[in-house]
Amino acid sequence: MTTAARRVVIIGYDQAELLDIACVSDTFDSVNRLGAQPPYQVRLATPGGRPVRTSGGLVLAGQAALEQVRGPLDTLVVSGGLGHLDAAADEGLTGHVRRLAARSRRVASVCTGASVLAAAGLLDGRRATTHWAFARQLADRHPSVAVDPGPLYLRDGEVYTSAGVTSALDLTLALVEDDHGPELARSAARWLVTYLQRPGNQAQLSIFVKDAPPENRILSRLVRHITGHLDEDLGSAALAARAGVSERHLARLFLDQLGDTPARFVRTARTEAAAQLLESTALPLAAVARRCGFGSTETLRQAFLTRFGTTPSNHRNAVRAPRRTTVHAAVEPDHGGMRGREEIAAARVVVRTGAGPSNVSERP
């Protein structure tokens, strides 16, 4: 007997982000090709069933008029994009989102689609995430929503929210795993040539790339020194001596321009570099800890729990499991022969020297 397909409706609108739509639809399509039972039936619903022009300029044909879609649905997904504020201000659109959510098993948003869910009242009292550049905007407009800009995706009950663009792939793989188990989700990840899957609590943005270096020249030099010499003495006294300032002045510079203490900044930089090494090398934990400046594996473990909510071993297993356990996976080169700072340099991302996004209307 054939089982009814899981009905998935993606809501699009003018200036939606193409990747927000495609990451969801193509992931479900890949799972169908791999034999998902029941399969997913995915349709793009737009206001009036009209074509929508995406933020990249391509035009997508609507497959259904949003006003005519009826439940029950398995999954309702609201895409994000530069048009999210106009969509959130459209009471007709948000009313239909609210109507369909009541007849859906679960509801999700991609990126700034969280603005539409919030405007529909579906995030009230919930924890939610969105693209890091728009998190403050969402929090200011919807104080009843507990906005967390850190994770790649979040689940609160049967409401899911995700970060920017390609994190939609991570979210959809997580939905597939919930529906069909880890093996089919792993197969889909291999088909899509991606990790299965980045943990939801993995940070959207690394400390190495999230901000331009501080304008203050002293602090700018120190930040570059810290991220390039993680295995050296980076205590406040050593950093103050290197900068030629007092420890008190050093602390004031960090708090004023980075919103953090020197010690916490160093700890975060070391933890994120360790995450990169765990993902990209086969180094034992002791070597990772040593090369990132941690005094012991236990210190590394505590830092990981604080930063990512998981242990170093669990993090490595989550992002590398498909490559270790599946014979069809590509063989990774053994990086164990790298030595010293070369390995740290390979693991970290260079700090950007240009300015970051100037305001929330820009999309990275």
Protein backbone atom coordinates (compact mmCIF):
# COMPACT_ATOMS: atom_id res chain seq x y z
CA MET A 1 0.00 0.00 0.00
CA THR A 2 1.37 3.40 -0.99
CA THR A 3 1.73 5.88 1.84
CA ALA A 4 0.52 9.40 1.19
CA ALA A 5 3.30 11.85 0.42
CA ARG A 6 4.44 14.39 3.01
CA ARG A 7 3.10 17.71 1.78
CA VAL A 8 5.66 20.50 2.03
CA VAL A 9 4.76 24.07 1.13
CA ILE A 10 7.46 26.73 0.75
CA ILE A 11 6.19 30.29 0.81
CA GLY A 12 7.94 32.70 -1.53
CA TYR A 13 7.46 36.38 -2.23
CA ASP A 14 9.15 39.15 -4.20
CA GLN A 15 12.80 39.60 -3.23
CA ALA A 16 12.98 36.21 -1.53
CA GLU A 17 16.43 34.60 -1.49
CA LEU A 18 16.72 31.88 -4.14
CA LEU A 19 19.03 29.74 -1.99
CA ASP A 20 16.53 29.87 0.88
CA ILE A 21 14.04 28.14 -1.39
CA ALA A 22 16.40 25.88 -3.34
CA CYS A 23 18.27 24.46 -0.33
CA VAL A 24 14.98 23.20 1.07
CA SER A 25 13.41 21.96 -2.17
CA ASP A 26 16.55 20.28 -3.53
CA THR A 27 17.34 18.53 -0.25
CA PHE A 28 13.86 17.02 -0.12
CA ASP A 29 14.15 16.12 -3.82
CA SER A 30 17.47 14.36 -3.18
CA VAL A 31 15.88 12.34 -0.39
CA ASN A 32 13.04 11.33 -2.70
CA ARG A 33 15.57 10.16 -5.32
CA LEU A 34 17.19 8.04 -2.62
CA GLY A 35 13.92 6.25 -1.92
CA ALA A 36 12.28 8.13 0.95
CA GLN A 37 8.98 6.53 1.95
CA PRO A 38 6.73 8.33 2.24
CA PRO A 39 8.26 10.82 -0.20
CA TYR A 40 8.07 14.59 0.06
CA GLN A 41 5.76 16.55 -2.23
CA VAL A 42 7.17 20.07 -2.36
CA ARG A 43 5.34 23.07 -3.82
CA LEU A 44 6.18 26.76 -3.96
CA ALA A 45 3.22 28.92 -2.95
CA THR A 46 3.21 32.63 -3.71
CA PRO A 47 0.68 35.43 -3.24
CA GLY A 48 -1.91 34.97 -5.96
CA GLY A 49 0.18 32.17 -7.45
CA ARG A 50 2.15 34.85 -9.27
CA PRO A 51 5.80 34.55 -10.32
CA VAL A 52 8.18 36.10 -7.81
CA ARG A 53 11.43 37.87 -8.57
CA THR A 54 14.18 36.67 -6.24
CA SER A 55 16.77 38.99 -4.75
CA GLY A 56 19.30 37.68 -7.27
CA GLY A 57 17.08 38.70 -10.18
CA LEU A 58 15.81 35.28 -11.29
CA VAL A 59 12.05 34.80 -11.54
CA LEU A 60 10.38 31.73 -10.05
CA ALA A 61 6.94 30.55 -11.13
CA GLY A 62 4.54 29.98 -8.27
CA GLN A 63 3.04 26.48 -8.26
CA ALA A 64 0.09 27.39 -6.08
CA ALA A 65 -1.75 30.49 -4.90
CA LEU A 66 -1.05 30.96 -1.21
CA GLU A 67 -4.67 31.93 -0.67
CA GLN A 68 -5.90 28.61 -2.07
CA VAL A 69 -3.56 26.24 -0.25
CA ARG A 70 -5.37 24.07 2.29
CA GLY A 71 -4.13 21.84 5.06
CA PRO A 72 -3.27 19.52 6.48
CA LEU A 73 0.41 19.97 5.65
CA ASP A 74 3.41 18.08 6.87
CA THR A 75 5.81 21.04 6.77
CA LEU A 76 5.31 24.74 6.15
CA VAL A 77 8.49 26.68 5.29
CA VAL A 78 8.75 30.46 4.99
CA SER A 79 11.73 31.65 2.96
CA GLY A 80 13.80 34.70 3.79
CA GLY A 81 15.31 37.40 1.64
CA LEU A 82 15.60 41.13 1.20
CA GLY A 83 11.82 41.37 0.86
CA HIS A 84 11.16 39.93 4.31
CA LEU A 85 10.00 43.21 5.88
CA ASP A 86 7.48 43.86 3.12
CA ALA A 87 6.26 40.29 3.45
CA ALA A 88 6.00 40.62 7.24
CA ALA A 89 4.00 43.85 6.82
CA ASP A 90 1.54 42.16 4.43
CA GLU A 91 -1.35 41.21 6.72
CA GLY A 92 -2.88 39.03 4.04
CA LEU A 93 0.32 37.01 3.67
CA THR A 94 0.93 36.66 7.41
CA GLY A 95 -2.72 35.73 7.93
CA HIS A 96 -2.35 32.83 5.51
CA VAL A 97 0.89 31.80 7.19
CA ARG A 98 -0.94 31.72 10.49
CA ARG A 99 -3.87 29.78 8.96
CA LEU A 100 -1.64 27.15 7.36
CA ALA A 101 0.58 26.84 10.47
CA ALA A 102 -2.48 25.72 12.42
CA ARG A 103 -2.91 22.83 9.96
CA SER A 104 0.77 21.88 9.71
CA ARG A 105 2.69 19.25 11.66
CA ARG A 106 5.65 21.61 11.85
CA VAL A 107 6.58 25.09 10.74
CA ALA A 108 10.00 26.41 9.74
CA SER A 109 11.64 29.59 8.52
CA VAL A 110 14.87 30.12 6.65
CA CYS A 111 17.02 33.15 7.43
CA THR A 112 14.93 36.35 7.63
CA GLY A 113 11.77 34.34 7.08
CA ALA A 114 11.70 34.43 10.88
CA SER A 115 10.41 38.00 10.51
CA VAL A 116 7.31 36.66 8.76
CA LEU A 117 6.74 33.97 11.39
CA ALA A 118 7.15 36.59 14.12
CA ALA A 119 4.70 38.96 12.42
CA ALA A 120 2.22 36.09 12.25
CA GLY A 121 2.59 35.61 16.01
CA LEU A 122 4.11 32.15 15.65
CA LEU A 123 7.31 32.97 17.53
CA ASP A 124 5.77 34.67 20.57
CA GLY A 125 7.39 33.28 23.71
CA ARG A 126 9.70 31.08 21.68
CA ARG A 127 13.44 30.97 21.18
CA ALA A 128 14.37 31.65 17.56
CA THR A 129 17.31 32.45 15.34
CA THR A 130 17.83 34.27 12.06
CA HIS A 131 20.69 35.59 9.96
CA TRP A 132 23.19 37.22 12.33
CA ALA A 133 23.03 40.57 10.49
CA PHE A 134 19.27 40.82 11.10
CA ALA A 135 19.03 39.42 14.61
CA ARG A 136 18.95 42.82 16.34
CA GLN A 137 16.27 44.01 13.94
CA LEU A 138 14.11 40.97 14.72
CA ALA A 139 14.60 41.38 18.47
CA ASP A 140 13.76 45.09 18.38
CA ARG A 141 10.61 44.58 16.31
CA HIS A 142 9.40 41.55 18.27
CA PRO A 143 10.39 41.78 21.95
CA SER A 144 8.24 38.75 22.79
CA VAL A 145 10.65 36.56 20.79
CA ALA A 146 13.83 35.28 22.46
CA VAL A 147 16.22 35.89 19.56
CA ASP A 148 19.48 33.95 19.66
CA PRO A 149 21.80 34.96 16.78
CA GLY A 150 24.30 32.20 17.47
CA PRO A 151 23.04 28.80 16.26
CA LEU A 152 22.67 27.58 12.70
CA TYR A 153 19.14 26.46 13.48
CA LEU A 154 16.84 26.08 16.45
CA ARG A 155 13.83 24.00 17.35
CA ASP A 156 11.26 25.19 19.86
CA GLY A 157 8.43 22.71 19.97
CA GLU A 158 7.37 22.13 16.38
CA VAL A 159 8.63 25.52 15.19
CA TYR A 160 12.04 25.64 13.55
CA THR A 161 14.10 28.70 12.63
CA SER A 162 17.45 28.83 10.88
CA ALA A 163 20.26 31.21 10.12
CA GLY A 164 21.33 32.60 6.75
CA VAL A 165 20.91 30.96 3.35
CA THR A 166 22.85 27.65 3.24
CA SER A 167 21.97 26.83 6.85
CA ALA A 168 18.62 25.88 5.26
CA LEU A 169 20.44 22.77 4.06
CA ASP A 170 21.48 21.92 7.61
CA LEU A 171 17.96 22.48 8.85
CA THR A 172 16.37 20.38 6.11
CA LEU A 173 18.80 17.51 6.70
CA ALA A 174 17.82 17.63 10.37
CA LEU A 175 14.14 17.41 9.39
CA VAL A 176 14.93 14.45 7.14
CA GLU A 177 16.78 12.71 9.95
CA ASP A 178 13.78 13.23 12.24
CA ASP A 179 11.48 11.72 9.61
CA HIS A 180 13.56 8.91 8.14
CA GLY A 181 16.52 8.33 10.43
CA PRO A 182 20.23 9.14 10.20
CA GLU A 183 21.21 6.75 7.40
CA LEU A 184 18.97 8.31 4.77
CA ALA A 185 20.00 11.77 5.92
CA ARG A 186 23.66 10.77 5.57
CA SER A 187 23.01 9.48 2.08
CA ALA A 188 21.38 12.78 1.16
CA ALA A 189 24.33 14.68 2.59
CA ARG A 190 26.74 12.63 0.48
CA TRP A 191 24.60 13.25 -2.59
CA LEU A 192 24.66 16.98 -1.88
CA VAL A 193 28.40 16.82 -1.11
CA THR A 194 28.03 18.38 2.31
CA TYR A 195 28.54 17.47 5.94
CA LEU A 196 25.80 15.64 7.76
CA GLN A 197 25.04 17.81 9.32
CA ARG A 198 26.55 20.78 11.04
CA PRO A 199 25.17 20.74 14.58
CA GLY A 200 22.37 23.22 15.10
CA ASN A 201 24.24 24.89 17.93
CA GLN A 202 27.34 25.46 15.81
CA ALA A 203 28.03 29.18 15.66
CA GLN A 204 26.85 31.03 12.54
CA LEU A 205 29.86 33.26 12.54
CA SER A 206 33.42 32.71 13.65
CA ILE A 207 35.25 35.25 15.77
CA PHE A 208 37.83 35.28 12.96
CA VAL A 209 35.45 36.79 10.40
CA LYS A 210 32.47 38.37 12.13
CA ASP A 211 33.85 41.88 12.53
CA ALA A 212 36.43 44.06 10.88
CA PRO A 213 39.53 44.54 13.03
CA PRO A 214 39.14 47.30 15.63
CA GLU A 215 39.86 50.81 14.44
CA ASN A 216 42.17 51.35 17.38
CA ARG A 217 45.64 50.48 16.07
CA ILE A 218 46.83 48.99 19.35
CA LEU A 219 43.85 46.67 19.58
CA SER A 220 43.97 45.85 15.88
CA ARG A 221 47.55 44.63 16.22
CA LEU A 222 46.70 42.64 19.33
CA VAL A 223 43.75 40.90 17.65
CA ARG A 224 45.99 39.85 14.76
CA HIS A 225 48.63 38.66 17.21
CA ILE A 226 46.11 36.64 19.22
CA THR A 227 44.57 34.87 16.24
CA GLY A 228 47.99 34.11 14.78
CA HIS A 229 49.73 32.93 17.97
CA LEU A 230 47.14 30.94 19.87
CA ASP A 231 49.72 28.59 21.38
CA GLU A 232 51.70 31.40 23.05
CA ASP A 233 51.23 33.28 26.33
CA LEU A 234 48.12 35.42 25.77
CA GLY A 235 47.44 36.40 29.35
CA SER A 236 46.41 39.98 30.10
CA ALA A 237 49.84 40.84 31.45
CA ALA A 238 51.61 39.55 28.34
CA LEU A 239 49.17 41.29 26.01
CA ALA A 240 49.41 44.58 27.92
CA ALA A 241 53.20 44.43 27.82
CA ARG A 242 53.13 43.74 24.09
CA ALA A 243 50.82 46.71 23.52
CA GLY A 244 52.74 49.00 25.86
CA VAL A 245 49.67 49.82 27.97
CA SER A 246 48.49 48.97 31.45
CA GLU A 247 46.29 45.92 32.02
CA ARG A 248 43.47 48.23 33.10
CA HIS A 249 43.72 50.21 29.86
CA LEU A 250 43.87 46.97 27.89
CA ALA A 251 40.68 45.73 29.53
CA ARG A 252 38.96 49.04 28.78
CA LEU A 253 39.95 48.83 25.08
CA PHE A 254 38.57 45.31 24.72
CA LEU A 255 35.32 46.13 26.47
CA ASP A 256 34.75 49.37 24.58
CA GLN A 257 35.50 48.04 21.10
CA LEU A 258 34.88 44.30 21.28
CA GLY A 259 32.41 44.05 24.14
CA ASP A 260 34.49 41.40 25.84
CA THR A 261 37.38 40.98 28.24
CA PRO A 262 40.82 40.01 26.90
CA ALA A 263 40.58 36.62 28.60
CA ARG A 264 37.19 35.76 27.11
CA PHE A 265 38.25 36.95 23.66
CA VAL A 266 41.34 34.72 23.78
CA ARG A 267 39.32 31.76 25.04
CA THR A 268 36.80 32.14 22.22
CA ALA A 269 39.53 32.41 19.58
CA ARG A 270 41.23 29.29 20.89
CA THR A 271 37.97 27.34 21.07
CA GLU A 272 36.98 28.20 17.50
CA ALA A 273 40.43 27.32 16.19
CA ALA A 274 40.16 23.99 18.03
CA ALA A 275 36.80 23.37 16.35
CA GLN A 276 38.43 23.92 12.95
CA LEU A 277 41.20 21.45 13.75
CA LEU A 278 38.72 18.86 15.00
CA GLU A 279 36.74 19.18 11.77
CA SER A 280 39.64 19.16 9.34
CA THR A 281 42.33 16.95 10.90
CA ALA A 282 42.76 13.63 12.68
CA LEU A 283 44.86 15.12 15.49
CA PRO A 284 44.19 13.63 18.93
CA LEU A 285 42.49 15.89 21.46
CA ALA A 286 45.70 16.44 23.40
CA ALA A 287 47.46 17.78 20.30
CA VAL A 288 44.49 20.02 19.43
CA ALA A 289 44.47 21.39 22.96
CA ARG A 290 48.21 22.04 22.94
CA ARG A 291 48.32 23.71 19.53
CA CYS A 292 45.42 26.02 20.37
CA GLY A 293 46.91 27.12 23.68
CA PHE A 294 44.85 25.06 26.12
CA GLY A 295 46.72 23.65 29.05
CA SER A 296 44.91 20.31 29.00
CA THR A 297 42.17 18.36 27.24
CA GLU A 298 39.89 19.07 30.21
CA THR A 299 40.37 22.82 29.76
CA LEU A 300 39.52 22.37 26.06
CA ARG A 301 36.46 20.32 27.00
CA GLN A 302 35.15 22.96 29.39
CA ALA A 303 35.70 25.71 26.83
CA PHE A 304 33.82 23.68 24.22
CA LEU A 305 30.89 23.06 26.52
CA THR A 306 30.67 26.77 27.27
CA ARG A 307 30.99 27.89 23.64
CA PHE A 308 29.13 25.18 21.72
CA GLY A 309 27.16 23.21 24.30
CA THR A 310 28.87 19.97 23.34
CA THR A 311 32.17 18.17 23.91
CA PRO A 312 35.11 18.19 21.46
CA SER A 313 34.65 14.47 20.76
CA ASN A 314 30.95 14.82 20.04
CA HIS A 315 31.63 17.79 17.77
CA ARG A 316 34.18 15.83 15.76
CA ASN A 317 31.86 12.82 15.52
CA ALA A 318 28.97 15.00 14.32
CA VAL A 319 30.83 16.65 11.47
CA ARG A 320 33.07 13.75 10.44
CA ALA A 321 30.86 10.70 10.98
CA PRO A 322 29.87 10.19 7.32
CA ARG A 323 33.51 10.14 6.22
CA ARG A 324 34.52 7.59 8.84
CA THR A 325 31.58 5.20 8.72
CA THR A 326 30.53 5.10 5.06
CA VAL A 327 32.50 3.23 2.44
CA HIS A 328 31.15 5.47 -0.33
CA ALA A 329 32.57 8.63 1.24
CA ALA A 330 35.64 10.27 -0.25
CA VAL A 331 38.87 9.46 1.56
CA GLU A 332 40.26 12.40 3.51
CA PRO A 333 44.00 13.06 3.47
CA ASP A 334 45.80 12.46 6.70
CA HIS A 335 46.91 15.84 8.02
CA GLY A 336 48.60 14.34 11.03
CA GLY A 337 52.01 15.14 9.59
CA MET A 338 51.56 18.89 9.82
CA ARG A 339 53.55 20.60 12.49
CA GLY A 340 53.27 23.57 14.79
CA ARG A 341 51.83 26.86 13.68
CA GLU A 342 51.36 25.69 10.08
CA GLU A 343 48.47 23.54 11.25
CA ILE A 344 46.93 26.35 13.23
CA ALA A 345 47.23 28.63 10.20
CA ALA A 346 45.52 26.01 8.05
CA ALA A 347 42.67 25.76 10.52
CA ARG A 348 41.89 29.41 11.07
CA VAL A 349 40.28 31.95 8.83
CA VAL A 350 42.21 35.16 8.30
CA VAL A 351 40.67 38.23 9.91
CA ARG A 352 39.09 40.48 7.34
CA THR A 353 40.71 43.85 6.93
CA GLY A 354 37.78 45.50 5.17
CA ALA A 355 34.66 46.89 6.78
CA GLY A 356 31.77 44.58 7.49
CA PRO A 357 28.17 45.16 6.44
CA SER A 358 27.34 48.83 7.06
CA ASN A 359 23.73 48.24 8.01
CA VAL A 360 21.12 45.55 8.24
CA SER A 361 19.80 46.25 4.76
CA GLU A 362 22.91 44.68 3.29
CA ARG A 363 23.06 40.95 2.83
CA PRO A 364 26.48 39.34 3.09
